[in-house]
Amino acid sequence: MAITFLQQKKTQKKLILVFVGVILITAVIVWWGLFKREAEVPAVELPSALPEKEIKINFEVLKSPFLKELQPFPEIGPFKETIPVEGETEEVEGKIGRENPFTPY
């Protein structure tokens, strides 16, 4: 029994040293983070007036024959639910699904 108590005391001493080390490292990091002064950054002077750039739009591109050959996409209509009726399918407009999908059946 005496041997186990001595081993426990040695392990506790090692753990206490590790704990104190962690506390010291944490304190140093906090000290550097909170109390260290940052170097002042010199102010950068911006030019008072930037030169204005002229914007030119070439509208002649819209008159090209390539754009005249393009065809528009067909308009997408409202969603319709298909209900099978003995060999035929009937399209019905209306709500699909439940009001609250999270309620149990």
Protein backbone atom coordinates (compact mmCIF):
# COMPACT_ATOMS: atom_id res chain seq x y z
CA MET A 1 0.00 0.00 0.00
CA ALA A 2 2.82 2.38 0.78
CA ILE A 3 4.15 1.98 -2.74
CA THR A 4 0.86 3.00 -4.37
CA PHE A 5 0.59 6.10 -2.16
CA LEU A 6 4.13 7.13 -3.15
CA GLN A 7 3.34 6.58 -6.82
CA GLN A 8 0.17 8.64 -6.53
CA LYS A 9 2.09 11.49 -4.87
CA LYS A 10 4.72 11.43 -7.65
CA THR A 11 2.01 11.50 -10.32
CA GLN A 12 0.23 14.33 -8.53
CA LYS A 13 3.47 16.35 -8.36
CA LYS A 14 4.01 15.86 -12.10
CA LEU A 15 0.42 16.88 -12.83
CA ILE A 16 0.76 19.96 -10.63
CA LEU A 17 3.91 20.98 -12.52
CA VAL A 18 2.15 20.50 -15.86
CA PHE A 19 -0.84 22.51 -14.60
CA VAL A 20 1.40 25.35 -13.40
CA GLY A 21 3.21 25.32 -16.76
CA VAL A 22 -0.07 25.58 -18.65
CA ILE A 23 -1.20 28.44 -16.39
CA LEU A 24 2.10 30.30 -16.99
CA ILE A 25 1.91 29.85 -20.76
CA THR A 26 -1.68 31.06 -20.75
CA ALA A 27 -0.75 34.08 -18.64
CA VAL A 28 2.10 35.01 -21.03
CA ILE A 29 -0.19 34.75 -24.06
CA VAL A 30 -2.88 36.87 -22.38
CA TRP A 31 -0.24 39.43 -21.30
CA TRP A 32 1.06 39.77 -24.87
CA GLY A 33 -2.45 39.97 -26.29
CA LEU A 34 -3.83 42.58 -23.90
CA PHE A 35 -0.96 44.78 -22.86
CA LYS A 36 1.38 44.80 -25.83
CA ARG A 37 1.21 48.08 -27.73
CA GLU A 38 0.81 47.85 -31.45
CA ALA A 39 3.11 49.80 -33.70
CA GLU A 40 1.39 52.81 -35.16
CA VAL A 41 0.73 52.55 -38.86
CA PRO A 42 1.59 55.71 -40.76
CA ALA A 43 -1.39 57.35 -42.42
CA VAL A 44 -1.54 56.94 -46.17
CA GLU A 45 -2.55 60.00 -48.12
CA LEU A 46 -5.05 59.34 -50.86
CA PRO A 47 -5.04 61.45 -53.98
CA SER A 48 -7.63 64.20 -53.72
CA ALA A 49 -9.11 63.70 -57.18
CA LEU A 50 -8.87 60.63 -59.31
CA PRO A 51 -8.87 61.13 -63.05
CA GLU A 52 -12.30 60.48 -64.50
CA LYS A 53 -12.49 57.75 -67.09
CA GLU A 54 -14.78 58.14 -70.06
CA ILE A 55 -17.14 55.23 -70.62
CA LYS A 56 -18.12 54.44 -74.19
CA ILE A 57 -20.87 51.93 -74.99
CA ASN A 58 -20.84 50.37 -78.44
CA PHE A 59 -24.51 49.94 -79.36
CA GLU A 60 -23.61 48.66 -82.83
CA VAL A 61 -23.01 45.21 -81.28
CA LEU A 62 -26.76 44.89 -80.68
CA LYS A 63 -27.39 45.20 -84.42
CA SER A 64 -25.24 42.18 -85.35
CA PRO A 65 -26.89 39.40 -87.43
CA PHE A 66 -25.81 36.79 -84.88
CA LEU A 67 -28.14 38.27 -82.25
CA LYS A 68 -31.04 38.34 -84.72
CA GLU A 69 -30.75 34.57 -85.20
CA LEU A 70 -31.25 33.84 -81.48
CA GLN A 71 -34.65 32.52 -80.45
CA PRO A 72 -36.23 33.14 -77.05
CA PHE A 73 -36.96 30.34 -74.63
CA PRO A 74 -40.63 29.34 -74.32
CA GLU A 75 -42.43 30.74 -71.32
CA ILE A 76 -42.76 28.30 -68.43
CA GLY A 77 -46.37 27.96 -67.35
CA PRO A 78 -47.78 27.15 -63.90
CA PHE A 79 -47.11 23.70 -62.43
CA LYS A 80 -49.94 21.25 -63.02
CA GLU A 81 -50.52 18.04 -61.13
CA THR A 82 -51.23 14.98 -63.23
CA ILE A 83 -53.83 12.59 -61.80
CA PRO A 84 -54.03 9.13 -63.45
CA VAL A 85 -57.63 8.13 -64.25
CA GLU A 86 -57.95 4.56 -65.62
CA GLY A 87 -55.83 4.76 -68.74
CA GLU A 88 -56.00 8.53 -69.12
CA THR A 89 -54.16 11.31 -67.40
CA GLU A 90 -55.98 14.42 -66.34
CA GLU A 91 -54.18 17.65 -65.61
CA VAL A 92 -55.43 19.60 -62.62
CA GLU A 93 -54.20 22.97 -61.44
CA GLY A 94 -54.01 23.43 -57.72
CA LYS A 95 -52.01 22.96 -54.59
CA ILE A 96 -49.64 20.04 -54.39
CA GLY A 97 -48.58 18.66 -51.05
CA ARG A 98 -49.74 19.46 -47.57
CA GLU A 99 -50.00 22.80 -45.77
CA ASN A 100 -47.60 21.71 -43.05
CA PRO A 101 -45.26 18.95 -44.26
CA PHE A 102 -43.94 18.36 -40.76
CA THR A 103 -47.19 17.15 -39.23
CA PRO A 104 -47.42 13.35 -38.90
CA TYR A 105 -49.90 11.40 -41.03
